[in-house]
Amino acid sequence: MSDRDDFKRTIVYGENAVGHLRKNELPAYPRNYELWYTYAAGFNHNLNKAINDIIRARGKITVTELDRVYEQYVAPTRIGERIDEVGGRLSAEISGFAGMIDTQMASTSVYSTSLGEAKAALGSATDSGSVEEIVRGLIDATHQTETVNRTLEAQLAESRKQITELQESLEAIRYESLVDDLTTLANRKHFDQTLSRLIAEAEHGARPFSLLFTDIDHFKKFNDTFGHQTGDQVLRLVALAVKQNIKGQDMAFRYGGEEFAVLLPHTEIEQSVVVAEHIREAVFSKELVKRSTGENLGRITISIGVSEWRPGDTAATVIERADSCLYAAKNGGRNQVRWSLEAPGDAKGIRVA
C-alpha cells in the first residue's frame, strides 16, 4: 500500500477517535485517544465488545470505565513492555538458579574437605575416643550436607517450574505479537517477516512464490450502515473463507483494516489465480445474517490482486504489483480477481479472471 493509501485509511480512524472523545465528553489525553483509535481501527475485538456493551447499557462511557477498559484490553497489548517484564523475571530466576548451584557446589566442597581432614585424623588417631570423636564429626557434616541438599533440591525444582512457566509466557506473548485478535489470522508484522523470508529463499534458488491482496468491497459503507459489530462479523467471515481455501505452507494475514494478504510458497501465478478464485467464490457464496435481529444483509464481495515473485523483485515490488492488480479489480467493477504476467513495474499485462 502507498503512503497515500495509509494516510486515507488511518486519518479516518483518527477522526473517528476524536469524534468518540467529543461524543462522550472525555479528556483528549494520549491514552484516551489511543483507546478510541484502536476501537475505530477494529483490531481489538474484545475492546470493541466491552465498549459497545457499556454504551448499549448506559449510552455513554465514563472516564473511570474508560480507564478500566484501557487497563484490561489496551495495556496488555503492549507486547514490548510485556516481553521486558517477563524477560526480566526470567533473567532473575536463571540468576537465582545459578546461585543455588553455586551454593550446592560450595556445600559439596566443604563436605569433601571434611572427609579429607577426617581421613588424615584417622591415620594419626591413637585411641578409640579419638576415633569416635572423628566419626561423630563426620556424621554431623553428613547431616548438614544432606539438609543443605534437600533444601536446594526443593528450591531447584521450584525454580525449574518457574523458568518453564516464564518460557511458556514468552512463547504466548510471541504468538500474540504475530496474530490478529479479531480474525485469528497472522498480523501485518508476521506478514512482513514471512515475505522477507520467502524472498531470501527465492533468491537462493528456491521455487518462486505468489502474493494475493484481498480487499472487501464497499466495506466502509457497510460498516457505517450496520455498525462495527456487524463489520467485525464480516471480517471474520472473510477471514474464515480465506483460511478454508488455503492449505499446506500457505499463510493468510490481516494486512490492515479490511485488507487481507495470502502468501503461497512454491506456487506459480496460474495456480495462485485458481486459489484466489476459490476464495472469492467462497466469500460470495455466504449470506450475511445480523445476529441480533436475524436480518439478512445480503452477500459480501471481495476484490483480489495477484502477483508472483520474479528475479530482481523486492518486497516493495511484489506488493506494488499485487496492489496494482487489486485496484484494477476494484476499478473494473469489483468482485473479481486480476493478476499480472508482465515484468516487475509493468502494469500493461494485468489479466482478469
Foldseek 3Di string as FASTA:
>chain_A
DDPVVVCVVLVVLQVQLVVLCVQQVHDVDPLSSVLSSCLSQLQQVVLVVQQVVVCVVPVHDDPVRSVVSCVVGPVVLPLVVVCVVLVVVLVVLVVVLVVLVVVLVVLVVVLVVLVVVLVVQVVPDDDPVSNVVSVVVNVVSVVVSVVSVVVSVVSNVVSVVSNVVSVVVNVVSVLSVQAGNLQRAGEQVVVVVVQQVLVVVVQVPFAWKKKKKKAWPPLVVVCVVPHSVLSSVLLNQLSVLLVVLDDDPKGKYQYGRRMIMIIGHNDDDVVVQVSVLSSQVSQQVDWRADPVPRHTPHGIGMEMFMEMDDPPDDPVQSVVQRVLQRVVCVVVPGSWYWYAPDDGPDNPRIDTD
